[in-house]
Amino acid sequence: MDGFTPWPVSFREQYRKAGYWQEKPLASIIEEAAVQWPDRIAVSFNGEHTTYGELHRKVNRLALHLAALGHRPLDRMILQMPNRPETLYLYFAAVKIGVIPIMALAAHRLAEISFFAEFAAVKSYAIPGIYAKFDYPGLAAEVRTKAPSLKNVFVLADEVPEGMLPLKKLLNDPIEERIDGKAIFADLRPDPYEPAIFQLSGGTTGIPKLIPRTHNDYYYNALRNSDICGFSKDTVYLVAIPMTHNFATACPGWQGVFLKGGRVVLSSSPAPDAILDLIQQERVTTVPAVPAIVINLLNHPGLSRYDLSSLQTFHVGGSKLNEETARRVRPLLGAGIQQVLGMAEGPLFWTRPDDPKEISWLTQGRPMSPGDEFRIVDAQDHDVKPGEIGELICRGPYTIRGYFNAPEYNLRAFNADGFYRSGDLCRLHESGNLIVEGRSKDTINRGGEKISAEEMENHILAFPKIRLCAYVAMPDPVLGERAALFAVAREGESFDLAELNDFLLSDRRIARYKLPERLELLPELPVTAVGKINKVRLRELIAERLKEEQG
């Protein structure tokens, strides 16, 4: 595939011989589960249940419809769908015939979606209708004007605009009775060494990056995770975070649950009441969560009203969990925690279920795979001493060797030996686990969503009243970080945060979660000795001001 950086041949052979890569397409997860457990419930949503056999039939039906519409291996589809069973059906239908889903978030708007559509030359786009008060079909109509490759828009709604395809109608149409599915699936079977999906990187530049995960590495990613986390047929996994996110998809995610014959419970809301209700009703055992969700659950005033006796484990990742918060989970929620340091590019570090409690509270884990290689290095790529802070760099059987079609950026994001530069500042604990100490890359990690400072500064500088700006992280007790904006107004101009954010939403059409949440106007921005804006000083300044305000 053009624009895809494969693993070197020697590494491919090494990973295949070690059994990490089983040369299985991702759709085999559902195919094999349907044979083993056809009558077992695979998915629960809003009180309705789907068995593995039903899931398999719906996946096959949609895959045949995709093929009939002209989809072929390595075509691209933007998957911007909510936490619904139909998202699973369409995901597995796409990968079954080699179509590559681009795993967009519901919060993405025209700026992000139109870029993905043009950059990846997408053929299809899957959306809800009016969802969370936003008009996704209206967005799709605009994207169509910018991306001539976009042919099909699938809409999950009762009423679908003319020229778009109703997903429910396709699911109810027994196309398998009219055509030979076996022949089509044999002809369109994907190459497991090629990209299966594109995850998205928050990145550090103004250009969003697509992360190509192959069938081989992403299958292994989910399988190895599910082993580490002790998944089985008794696992009941509640997905309240966005289900298209890498964490919810494959770490272990719903893919890992399906590999073991467990059950996935989908929640359309991450609100504490919705999560607690579902834990009680569905007898949930495992919840993947960012720290903000855990904190909100711990502080919920009605927590004692819920029966949480089924709950065994929280998987906590996306950003660092504070040690004091971690200590409260078992006493108040009755569950253990497994911390995970991970990124959609691949590398995953887990604490283990049998780790001492202090290790699970304090550290963010150790490598997931025996095939993982990692180093902690200084600015010159020299290994630091154990216990010292440096940047984490990694390579292995599920860590990419390059972003899609980004050769210049790949030269900076990977070293000459193929190690991915994570941007995470870490130190090695005496237990062999890692402790995250911050970020070296210019990003804001807002509750697990990483936002490029450069991307946002480019949008903000289009606001006519701003002359100069710096978008930086400020500490937050719930989300870990929020975005603060330091700006210099043009001469004679004045504005407030509400006016700026109205511009960013209406004119620049960005996702709402990227908006600056605090504005600090300065006469000039501090600079370093070489004349660059001194973001280190600005991060210190905002932290100092927050501390003063809190008394």
Protein backbone atom coordinates (compact mmCIF):
# COMPACT_ATOMS: atom_id res chain seq x y z
CA MET A 1 0.00 0.00 0.00
CA ASP A 2 1.42 3.38 -0.99
CA GLY A 3 2.25 5.55 2.02
CA PHE A 4 2.50 2.59 4.41
CA THR A 5 5.81 1.82 6.15
CA PRO A 6 6.07 -1.96 6.71
CA TRP A 7 8.25 -3.67 9.28
CA PRO A 8 11.63 -4.73 7.87
CA VAL A 9 11.62 -8.30 6.54
CA SER A 10 13.83 -9.59 9.36
CA PHE A 11 11.38 -8.28 11.98
CA ARG A 12 8.39 -9.67 10.10
CA GLU A 13 9.95 -13.15 10.16
CA GLN A 14 10.91 -12.79 13.81
CA TYR A 15 7.37 -11.82 14.87
CA ARG A 16 5.77 -14.53 12.74
CA LYS A 17 8.04 -17.29 14.04
CA ALA A 18 7.52 -16.16 17.65
CA GLY A 19 3.76 -16.55 17.15
CA TYR A 20 2.94 -12.89 17.70
CA TRP A 21 1.62 -12.56 14.16
CA GLN A 22 -0.85 -15.32 13.31
CA GLU A 23 -1.65 -14.08 9.78
CA LYS A 24 -5.34 -13.79 10.65
CA PRO A 25 -7.56 -10.99 9.33
CA LEU A 26 -9.38 -9.07 12.05
CA ALA A 27 -12.78 -10.37 10.94
CA SER A 28 -11.67 -13.85 12.01
CA ILE A 29 -12.32 -12.66 15.58
CA ILE A 30 -16.06 -12.70 14.88
CA GLU A 31 -15.98 -15.67 12.51
CA GLU A 32 -14.31 -17.94 15.08
CA ALA A 33 -16.41 -16.66 17.98
CA ALA A 34 -19.63 -17.41 16.07
CA VAL A 35 -18.50 -21.02 15.56
CA GLN A 36 -17.47 -21.51 19.19
CA TRP A 37 -20.28 -19.65 20.97
CA PRO A 38 -23.15 -19.00 18.52
CA ASP A 39 -25.83 -18.63 21.21
CA ARG A 40 -23.79 -16.70 23.77
CA ILE A 41 -24.58 -12.99 24.16
CA ALA A 42 -21.87 -10.85 22.60
CA VAL A 43 -23.31 -7.32 22.88
CA SER A 44 -25.79 -5.61 25.19
CA PHE A 45 -27.23 -2.16 24.53
CA ASN A 46 -30.30 -0.46 26.01
CA GLY A 47 -31.59 -3.76 27.37
CA GLU A 48 -31.31 -5.56 24.01
CA HIS A 49 -28.87 -8.41 23.44
CA THR A 50 -27.08 -9.73 20.35
CA THR A 51 -25.59 -13.22 20.24
CA TYR A 52 -22.33 -14.10 18.53
CA GLY A 53 -24.26 -15.89 15.81
CA GLU A 54 -26.44 -12.83 15.16
CA LEU A 55 -23.41 -10.56 15.24
CA HIS A 56 -21.69 -12.70 12.62
CA ARG A 57 -24.74 -12.71 10.34
CA LYS A 58 -25.10 -8.94 10.52
CA VAL A 59 -21.40 -8.42 9.83
CA ASN A 60 -21.57 -10.67 6.76
CA ARG A 61 -24.69 -8.96 5.47
CA LEU A 62 -23.16 -5.51 5.70
CA ALA A 63 -19.90 -6.75 4.19
CA LEU A 64 -21.82 -8.01 1.15
CA HIS A 65 -23.59 -4.67 0.82
CA LEU A 66 -20.24 -2.86 0.97
CA ALA A 67 -18.89 -5.15 -1.75
CA ALA A 68 -22.00 -4.60 -3.89
CA LEU A 69 -21.44 -0.84 -3.60
CA GLY A 70 -17.99 -1.25 -5.08
CA HIS A 71 -15.79 -1.36 -1.98
CA ARG A 72 -12.51 -3.21 -2.41
CA PRO A 73 -9.48 -3.95 -0.20
CA LEU A 74 -7.56 -0.85 0.94
CA ASP A 75 -10.48 1.53 0.23
CA ARG A 76 -10.98 3.93 3.14
CA MET A 77 -14.09 4.66 5.24
CA ILE A 78 -14.44 7.29 7.97
CA LEU A 79 -16.20 5.65 10.91
CA GLN A 80 -17.67 8.48 13.02
CA MET A 81 -20.23 6.49 14.91
CA PRO A 82 -21.58 6.50 18.48
CA ASN A 83 -21.50 3.71 21.04
CA ARG A 84 -24.03 1.48 19.27
CA PRO A 85 -24.01 -2.15 18.11
CA GLU A 86 -24.23 -0.96 14.50
CA THR A 87 -20.74 0.50 14.88
CA LEU A 88 -19.42 -3.00 15.57
CA TYR A 89 -21.31 -4.45 12.62
CA LEU A 90 -19.91 -1.88 10.22
CA TYR A 91 -16.37 -2.06 11.60
CA PHE A 92 -16.11 -5.82 11.19
CA ALA A 93 -17.92 -5.71 7.83
CA ALA A 94 -15.33 -3.25 6.55
CA VAL A 95 -12.25 -5.15 7.76
CA LYS A 96 -13.74 -8.44 6.48
CA ILE A 97 -13.33 -7.24 2.88
CA GLY A 98 -10.19 -5.19 3.53
CA VAL A 99 -11.82 -1.73 3.71
CA ILE A 100 -9.90 0.46 6.16
CA PRO A 101 -11.99 2.27 8.81
CA ILE A 102 -10.64 5.65 9.94
CA MET A 103 -11.62 5.67 13.61
CA ALA A 104 -12.93 9.22 14.04
CA LEU A 105 -14.45 10.62 17.23
CA ALA A 106 -17.98 11.98 17.56
CA ALA A 107 -16.49 15.35 18.57
CA HIS A 108 -14.65 15.84 15.28
CA ARG A 109 -16.04 18.55 13.04
CA LEU A 110 -15.44 19.89 9.53
CA ALA A 111 -11.78 20.83 10.09
CA GLU A 112 -10.83 17.29 11.07
CA ILE A 113 -13.24 15.21 8.98
CA SER A 114 -12.64 17.08 5.72
CA PHE A 115 -8.90 16.68 6.21
CA PHE A 116 -9.19 12.92 6.76
CA ALA A 117 -11.48 12.61 3.74
CA GLU A 118 -9.13 14.47 1.40
CA PHE A 119 -5.83 13.17 2.75
CA ALA A 120 -6.89 9.51 2.74
CA ALA A 121 -9.09 9.76 -0.39
CA VAL A 122 -11.98 8.12 1.48
CA LYS A 123 -14.70 6.29 -0.39
CA SER A 124 -17.31 6.15 2.40
CA TYR A 125 -18.33 7.96 5.56
CA ALA A 126 -20.49 6.45 8.34
CA ILE A 127 -22.38 8.72 10.74
CA PRO A 128 -25.41 8.94 13.03
CA GLY A 129 -28.23 11.32 12.09
CA ILE A 130 -28.90 14.19 14.47
CA TYR A 131 -26.93 13.07 17.49
CA ALA A 132 -26.13 14.97 20.70
CA LYS A 133 -27.83 17.99 19.07
CA PHE A 134 -25.40 17.96 16.13
CA ASP A 135 -26.35 17.53 12.46
CA TYR A 136 -23.97 14.87 11.14
CA PRO A 137 -25.70 14.54 7.73
CA GLY A 138 -25.22 18.29 7.31
CA LEU A 139 -21.53 17.85 8.07
CA ALA A 140 -21.32 14.98 5.57
CA ALA A 141 -22.86 17.16 2.86
CA GLU A 142 -20.13 19.76 3.41
CA VAL A 143 -17.40 17.10 3.44
CA ARG A 144 -18.66 15.85 0.08
CA THR A 145 -17.97 19.25 -1.47
CA LYS A 146 -14.33 19.05 -0.35
CA ALA A 147 -13.55 15.38 -1.04
CA PRO A 148 -14.46 14.22 -4.56
CA SER A 149 -13.47 10.63 -3.69
CA LEU A 150 -16.37 10.36 -1.19
CA LYS A 151 -19.10 8.28 -2.84
CA ASN A 152 -21.17 6.76 -0.02
CA VAL A 153 -22.53 8.22 3.21
CA PHE A 154 -24.06 5.66 5.59
CA VAL A 155 -26.47 7.15 8.14
CA LEU A 156 -27.74 5.46 11.29
CA ALA A 157 -31.12 7.19 11.59
CA ASP A 158 -34.79 6.64 10.86
CA GLU A 159 -34.88 9.56 8.41
CA VAL A 160 -31.97 9.83 5.97
CA PRO A 161 -31.36 12.71 3.52
CA GLU A 162 -31.65 11.97 -0.17
CA GLY A 163 -28.40 10.72 -1.66
CA MET A 164 -27.30 9.05 1.59
CA LEU A 165 -27.68 5.37 2.54
CA PRO A 166 -29.80 4.21 5.51
CA LEU A 167 -27.73 1.77 7.52
CA LYS A 168 -30.83 0.17 9.08
CA LYS A 169 -32.23 -0.63 5.63
CA LEU A 170 -29.01 -2.39 4.63
CA LEU A 171 -29.05 -4.40 7.86
CA ASN A 172 -32.61 -5.52 7.15
CA ASP A 173 -31.95 -6.45 3.50
CA PRO A 174 -31.00 -10.17 3.13
CA ILE A 175 -28.52 -9.66 0.31
CA GLU A 176 -26.91 -13.01 1.19
CA GLU A 177 -29.97 -14.72 -0.33
CA ARG A 178 -29.26 -13.11 -3.71
CA ILE A 179 -25.50 -13.46 -4.13
CA ASP A 180 -22.75 -15.98 -3.39
CA GLY A 181 -21.08 -14.60 -0.27
CA LYS A 182 -18.41 -17.30 -0.06
CA ALA A 183 -17.00 -16.40 -3.46
CA ILE A 184 -17.01 -12.69 -2.70
CA PHE A 185 -15.35 -13.10 0.69
CA ALA A 186 -12.70 -15.39 -0.79
CA ASP A 187 -11.98 -12.86 -3.53
CA LEU A 188 -11.84 -9.86 -1.16
CA ARG A 189 -10.01 -11.49 1.75
CA PRO A 190 -7.49 -8.93 3.05
CA ASP A 191 -3.73 -9.38 3.34
CA PRO A 192 -2.95 -9.54 7.10
CA TYR A 193 0.32 -7.68 6.50
CA GLU A 194 -1.53 -4.65 5.10
CA PRO A 195 -3.24 -1.90 7.15
CA ALA A 196 -6.56 -2.97 8.66
CA ILE A 197 -7.58 0.30 10.30
CA PHE A 198 -6.33 3.86 10.75
CA GLN A 199 -6.31 5.14 14.31
CA LEU A 200 -5.73 8.85 14.88
CA SER A 201 -2.84 10.60 16.58
CA GLY A 202 -3.25 13.80 18.57
CA GLY A 203 0.26 14.58 17.41
CA THR A 204 2.44 17.63 17.84
CA THR A 205 2.03 19.29 14.47
CA GLY A 206 -0.77 21.07 12.70
CA ILE A 207 -1.29 18.08 10.39
CA PRO A 208 -3.40 15.23 11.86
CA LYS A 209 -1.70 11.88 11.39
CA LEU A 210 -3.17 8.51 10.48
CA ILE A 211 -1.83 5.47 12.33
CA PRO A 212 -1.87 2.32 10.16
CA ARG A 213 -2.54 -0.77 12.24
CA THR A 214 -2.27 -4.03 10.30
CA HIS A 215 -4.46 -7.11 10.76
CA ASN A 216 -1.44 -8.96 12.18
CA ASP A 217 -0.40 -6.42 14.77
CA TYR A 218 -3.90 -5.29 15.82
CA TYR A 219 -5.11 -8.88 16.29
CA TYR A 220 -2.08 -9.57 18.46
CA ASN A 221 -2.62 -6.27 20.30
CA ALA A 222 -6.12 -7.34 21.40
CA LEU A 223 -5.20 -10.98 22.09
CA ARG A 224 -2.16 -10.26 24.24
CA ASN A 225 -4.03 -7.54 26.15
CA SER A 226 -6.92 -9.89 26.88
CA ASP A 227 -4.49 -12.50 28.23
CA ILE A 228 -2.76 -9.98 30.50
CA CYS A 229 -6.10 -8.74 31.82
CA GLY A 230 -7.42 -12.23 32.47
CA PHE A 231 -10.41 -12.03 30.12
CA SER A 232 -12.67 -15.07 29.78
CA LYS A 233 -16.20 -16.04 28.79
CA ASP A 234 -17.29 -14.52 32.13
CA THR A 235 -15.94 -11.05 31.31
CA VAL A 236 -18.62 -8.35 31.08
CA TYR A 237 -16.93 -5.24 29.67
CA LEU A 238 -18.62 -1.84 29.90
CA VAL A 239 -17.67 0.66 27.17
CA ALA A 240 -18.64 4.19 28.18
CA ILE A 241 -15.62 5.87 26.59
CA PRO A 242 -15.82 6.42 22.79
CA MET A 243 -15.84 2.92 21.30
CA THR A 244 -13.82 3.93 18.23
CA HIS A 245 -10.91 5.01 20.42
CA ASN A 246 -7.93 2.64 20.46
CA PHE A 247 -8.34 2.03 24.22
CA ALA A 248 -11.93 0.79 23.78
CA THR A 249 -11.27 -1.06 20.53
CA ALA A 250 -8.22 -3.20 21.25
CA CYS A 251 -6.68 -2.57 24.68
CA PRO A 252 -8.10 -5.20 25.27
CA GLY A 253 -11.27 -3.51 24.11
CA TRP A 254 -14.28 -5.14 22.55
CA GLN A 255 -11.95 -7.04 20.20
CA GLY A 256 -10.28 -8.63 23.21
CA VAL A 257 -13.64 -9.50 24.76
CA PHE A 258 -14.83 -11.21 21.57
CA LEU A 259 -11.62 -13.23 21.38
CA LYS A 260 -12.48 -14.78 24.76
CA GLY A 261 -16.24 -15.15 24.36
CA GLY A 262 -17.19 -12.47 26.89
CA ARG A 263 -19.88 -9.82 26.66
CA VAL A 264 -19.62 -6.13 25.70
CA VAL A 265 -22.04 -3.65 27.28
CA LEU A 266 -22.31 -0.35 25.42
CA SER A 267 -23.20 2.92 27.13
CA SER A 268 -24.16 5.99 25.15
CA SER A 269 -23.06 8.20 28.06
CA PRO A 270 -19.96 8.45 30.27
CA ALA A 271 -21.98 10.08 33.06
CA PRO A 272 -21.55 8.46 36.50
CA ASP A 273 -25.25 7.56 36.86
CA ALA A 274 -25.28 5.84 33.46
CA ILE A 275 -22.15 3.84 34.28
CA LEU A 276 -23.29 2.87 37.77
CA ASP A 277 -26.74 1.85 36.50
CA LEU A 278 -25.21 -0.45 33.89
CA ILE A 279 -22.71 -1.99 36.30
CA GLN A 280 -25.64 -2.92 38.54
CA GLN A 281 -28.06 -4.03 35.81
CA GLU A 282 -25.65 -5.95 33.58
CA ARG A 283 -23.36 -7.31 36.32
CA VAL A 284 -20.34 -5.67 34.76
CA THR A 285 -16.91 -7.01 35.73
CA THR A 286 -14.54 -4.64 33.88
CA VAL A 287 -14.59 -0.95 32.99
CA PRO A 288 -12.00 0.86 30.84
CA ALA A 289 -11.81 4.46 32.01
CA VAL A 290 -9.80 7.65 31.86
CA PRO A 291 -8.95 9.14 35.28
CA ALA A 292 -11.75 11.73 34.98
CA ILE A 293 -14.38 8.96 34.89
CA VAL A 294 -12.87 7.25 37.95
CA ILE A 295 -12.77 10.54 39.87
CA ASN A 296 -16.39 11.31 38.99
CA LEU A 297 -17.49 7.86 40.17
CA LEU A 298 -15.57 8.17 43.43
CA ASN A 299 -17.16 11.55 44.14
CA HIS A 300 -20.70 10.58 43.16
CA PRO A 301 -23.02 11.50 46.07
CA GLY A 302 -25.32 8.52 45.48
CA LEU A 303 -22.59 5.89 45.13
CA SER A 304 -23.79 3.80 48.07
CA ARG A 305 -27.20 3.23 46.41
CA TYR A 306 -25.69 0.97 43.73
CA ASP A 307 -24.86 -2.73 43.87
CA LEU A 308 -21.32 -2.94 42.48
CA SER A 309 -20.56 -6.43 43.77
CA SER A 310 -19.91 -7.82 40.26
CA LEU A 311 -17.19 -5.26 39.56
CA GLN A 312 -13.65 -6.64 39.52
CA THR A 313 -11.33 -4.22 37.70
CA PHE A 314 -10.97 -0.73 36.31
CA HIS A 315 -8.54 -0.38 33.42
CA VAL A 316 -7.25 3.17 33.77
CA GLY A 317 -5.33 4.93 31.01
CA GLY A 318 -5.31 7.89 28.66
CA SER A 319 -3.55 10.03 31.24
CA LYS A 320 -1.80 9.41 34.54
CA LEU A 321 -3.92 8.40 37.52
CA ASN A 322 -2.99 10.24 40.70
CA GLU A 323 -1.73 7.86 43.40
CA GLU A 324 -4.11 9.19 46.05
CA THR A 325 -7.07 8.66 43.72
CA ALA A 326 -5.87 5.13 42.95
CA ARG A 327 -5.81 4.30 46.67
CA ARG A 328 -9.54 5.18 46.97
CA VAL A 329 -10.78 2.83 44.23
CA ARG A 330 -10.85 -0.45 46.17
CA PRO A 331 -12.42 0.95 49.38
CA LEU A 332 -15.15 2.94 47.59
CA LEU A 333 -15.83 1.00 44.38
CA GLY A 334 -14.86 -2.50 45.48
CA ALA A 335 -12.61 -3.11 42.46
CA GLY A 336 -8.93 -3.36 41.69
CA ILE A 337 -7.18 -1.25 39.10
CA GLN A 338 -4.83 -2.00 36.26
CA GLN A 339 -3.04 1.06 35.00
CA VAL A 340 -2.01 1.24 31.35
CA LEU A 341 0.36 3.56 29.57
CA GLY A 342 -0.50 3.29 25.91
CA MET A 343 -0.79 5.07 22.63
CA ALA A 344 -2.57 4.35 19.38
CA GLU A 345 0.80 4.00 17.66
CA GLY A 346 1.20 0.74 19.55
CA PRO A 347 3.26 0.66 22.76
CA LEU A 348 1.38 -0.61 25.81
CA PHE A 349 2.59 -0.94 29.38
CA TRP A 350 0.32 -2.58 31.98
CA THR A 351 0.37 -3.17 35.68
CA ARG A 352 -0.69 -6.78 36.31
CA PRO A 353 -3.63 -8.11 38.35
CA ASP A 354 -1.23 -9.80 40.78
CA ASP A 355 1.03 -6.78 41.30
CA PRO A 356 1.30 -5.52 44.89
CA LYS A 357 -1.29 -2.80 45.54
CA GLU A 358 1.37 -0.13 45.94
CA ILE A 359 2.75 -0.92 42.46
CA SER A 360 -0.70 -0.71 40.88
CA TRP A 361 -1.27 2.65 42.58
CA LEU A 362 2.08 4.21 41.82
CA THR A 363 3.24 2.94 38.42
CA GLN A 364 1.87 2.82 34.89
CA GLY A 365 3.07 -0.69 34.08
CA ARG A 366 5.62 -2.76 32.19
CA PRO A 367 5.70 -3.93 28.56
CA MET A 368 2.77 -5.93 27.29
CA SER A 369 4.71 -8.26 25.00
CA PRO A 370 7.92 -10.29 25.26
CA GLY A 371 8.67 -8.84 21.83
CA ASP A 372 8.59 -5.25 23.09
CA GLU A 373 11.83 -3.30 23.18
CA PHE A 374 11.96 0.00 25.04
CA ARG A 375 14.53 2.53 26.12
CA ILE A 376 14.44 5.69 28.24
CA VAL A 377 16.75 8.23 26.62
CA ASP A 378 18.02 11.78 26.91
CA ALA A 379 17.93 14.45 24.19
CA GLN A 380 20.90 12.80 22.43
CA ASP A 381 19.26 9.34 22.42
CA HIS A 382 21.62 8.08 25.12
CA ASP A 383 20.10 5.76 27.72
CA VAL A 384 19.58 7.43 31.08
CA LYS A 385 20.41 5.69 34.35
CA PRO A 386 17.66 3.64 36.07
CA GLY A 387 15.46 6.01 38.06
CA GLU A 388 16.34 9.05 35.94
CA ILE A 389 13.75 10.77 33.75
CA GLY A 390 13.98 10.52 29.97
CA GLU A 391 11.84 10.04 26.89
CA LEU A 392 10.32 6.61 26.32
CA ILE A 393 11.09 5.13 22.90
CA CYS A 394 9.75 1.76 21.72
CA ARG A 395 9.55 -0.80 18.94
CA GLY A 396 7.92 -4.20 18.75
CA PRO A 397 5.38 -6.48 17.05
CA TYR A 398 2.45 -4.08 17.41
CA THR A 399 4.22 -0.68 17.28
CA ILE A 400 4.03 1.06 13.91
CA ARG A 401 7.11 1.89 11.84
CA GLY A 402 5.64 5.06 10.34
CA TYR A 403 2.55 7.22 10.05
CA PHE A 404 0.56 6.93 6.83
CA ASN A 405 1.96 9.02 4.00
CA ALA A 406 4.07 11.26 6.28
CA PRO A 407 7.69 10.64 5.25
CA GLU A 408 9.13 13.90 6.57
CA TYR A 409 7.42 13.67 9.92
CA ASN A 410 8.44 10.01 10.25
CA LEU A 411 12.08 11.05 10.21
CA ARG A 412 11.46 12.92 13.48
CA ALA A 413 8.95 10.53 15.04
CA PHE A 414 11.15 7.42 14.67
CA ASN A 415 14.88 7.01 15.17
CA ALA A 416 17.21 5.30 12.71
CA ASP A 417 16.67 1.93 14.42
CA GLY A 418 12.89 2.10 14.08
CA PHE A 419 12.10 3.09 17.67
CA TYR A 420 8.97 5.22 18.03
CA ARG A 421 9.53 8.43 19.99
CA SER A 422 6.54 8.43 22.35
CA GLY A 423 6.99 11.92 23.77
CA ASP A 424 6.28 10.52 27.25
CA LEU A 425 8.80 11.43 29.94
CA CYS A 426 9.24 8.41 32.19
CA ARG A 427 11.50 6.88 34.79
CA LEU A 428 12.09 3.22 35.58
CA HIS A 429 10.79 2.15 38.98
CA GLU A 430 12.77 -0.45 40.94
CA SER A 431 9.91 -2.92 40.26
CA GLY A 432 10.70 -2.76 36.53
CA ASN A 433 7.55 -0.75 35.86
CA LEU A 434 7.43 2.74 34.41
CA ILE A 435 6.27 5.93 36.09
CA VAL A 436 5.10 8.71 33.77
CA GLU A 437 6.46 12.13 34.69
CA GLY A 438 5.16 14.32 31.86
CA ARG A 439 5.40 15.01 28.14
CA SER A 440 8.26 16.20 25.94
CA LYS A 441 6.00 16.77 22.93
CA ASP A 442 4.02 19.97 22.52
CA THR A 443 0.61 18.47 23.25
CA ILE A 444 -2.14 18.85 25.80
CA ASN A 445 -3.47 15.58 27.22
CA ARG A 446 -7.05 16.49 28.11
CA GLY A 447 -8.54 13.46 29.79
CA GLY A 448 -6.81 11.10 27.36
CA GLU A 449 -7.40 13.14 24.19
CA LYS A 450 -4.11 14.57 22.98
CA ILE A 451 -4.36 17.97 21.29
CA SER A 452 -1.65 19.41 19.07
CA ALA A 453 -0.59 22.87 20.25
CA GLU A 454 0.64 23.78 16.78
CA GLU A 455 -2.65 22.79 15.17
CA MET A 456 -4.59 24.97 17.60
CA GLU A 457 -2.22 27.92 17.32
CA ASN A 458 -2.69 27.88 13.54
CA HIS A 459 -6.47 28.07 14.02
CA ILE A 460 -6.23 30.74 16.72
CA LEU A 461 -3.92 33.01 14.71
CA ALA A 462 -6.65 33.22 12.07
CA PHE A 463 -8.70 35.22 14.60
CA PRO A 464 -8.24 38.81 13.42
CA LYS A 465 -7.85 40.33 16.89
CA ILE A 466 -4.81 38.22 17.90
CA ARG A 467 -1.23 39.07 16.99
CA LEU A 468 0.64 36.32 18.83
CA CYS A 469 -0.36 33.29 20.90
CA ALA A 470 0.82 30.22 22.76
CA TYR A 471 -1.47 27.29 23.58
CA VAL A 472 -0.19 25.39 26.61
CA ALA A 473 -1.23 22.80 29.18
CA MET A 474 -2.44 23.83 32.60
CA PRO A 475 -2.85 21.30 35.42
CA ASP A 476 -6.33 20.01 36.25
CA PRO A 477 -7.24 17.67 39.12
CA VAL A 478 -9.86 15.73 37.10
CA LEU A 479 -8.72 15.72 33.46
CA GLY A 480 -5.00 15.90 34.18
CA GLU A 481 -4.54 18.84 31.82
CA ARG A 482 -6.68 21.52 30.22
CA ALA A 483 -5.76 24.06 27.57
CA ALA A 484 -4.74 27.60 28.47
CA LEU A 485 -4.12 30.28 25.86
CA PHE A 486 -1.65 33.11 26.31
CA ALA A 487 -2.24 35.77 23.67
CA VAL A 488 -1.14 39.23 22.58
CA ALA A 489 -3.95 41.31 21.07
CA ARG A 490 -3.47 43.42 17.97
CA GLU A 491 -3.11 47.11 18.69
CA GLY A 492 -6.41 48.69 19.67
CA GLU A 493 -8.27 45.34 19.84
CA SER A 494 -9.93 43.63 22.78
CA PHE A 495 -11.78 40.32 23.10
CA ASP A 496 -12.69 37.63 25.61
CA LEU A 497 -12.56 33.84 25.60
CA ALA A 498 -16.21 33.46 24.58
CA GLU A 499 -15.71 35.60 21.46
CA LEU A 500 -12.59 33.69 20.46
CA ASN A 501 -14.21 30.29 20.98
CA ASP A 502 -17.28 31.33 18.99
CA PHE A 503 -14.89 32.09 16.11
CA LEU A 504 -13.10 28.75 16.47
CA LEU A 505 -16.38 26.83 16.42
CA SER A 506 -18.20 28.78 13.70
CA ASP A 507 -15.37 29.82 11.36
CA ARG A 508 -12.68 27.18 11.89
CA ARG A 509 -15.14 24.34 12.61
CA ILE A 510 -12.92 22.49 15.06
CA ALA A 511 -13.88 19.87 17.64
CA ARG A 512 -15.15 21.47 20.84
CA TYR A 513 -12.77 19.54 23.13
CA LYS A 514 -9.82 21.40 21.57
CA LEU A 515 -11.05 24.87 22.62
CA PRO A 516 -8.86 26.85 25.04
CA GLU A 517 -10.47 26.87 28.48
CA ARG A 518 -8.66 29.86 29.89
CA LEU A 519 -7.38 33.05 28.28
CA GLU A 520 -4.48 35.10 29.58
CA LEU A 521 -3.79 38.35 27.72
CA LEU A 522 -0.22 39.65 27.95
CA PRO A 523 1.48 42.71 26.40
CA GLU A 524 4.19 40.34 25.08
CA LEU A 525 5.02 36.64 25.38
CA PRO A 526 8.25 35.56 27.10
CA VAL A 527 10.93 34.19 24.77
CA THR A 528 13.96 31.94 25.12
CA ALA A 529 17.54 32.98 24.47
CA VAL A 530 17.13 32.04 20.80
CA GLY A 531 13.91 34.01 20.41
CA LYS A 532 11.33 31.20 20.62
CA ILE A 533 8.21 31.57 22.75
CA ASN A 534 9.11 30.22 26.18
CA LYS A 535 6.34 27.69 26.80
CA VAL A 536 8.11 26.25 29.83
CA ARG A 537 7.78 29.66 31.53
CA LEU A 538 4.14 29.97 30.42
CA ARG A 539 3.26 26.55 31.86
CA GLU A 540 4.95 27.58 35.12
CA LEU A 541 3.07 30.89 35.09
CA ILE A 542 -0.38 29.36 34.65
CA ALA A 543 0.35 26.74 37.33
CA GLU A 544 1.40 29.52 39.72
CA ARG A 545 -1.75 31.52 39.01
CA LEU A 546 -4.00 28.52 39.55
CA LYS A 547 -2.26 27.78 42.85
CA GLU A 548 -2.73 31.38 44.00
CA GLU A 549 -6.42 31.31 43.09
CA GLN A 550 -6.96 28.08 45.01
CA GLY A 551 -5.46 29.73 48.09
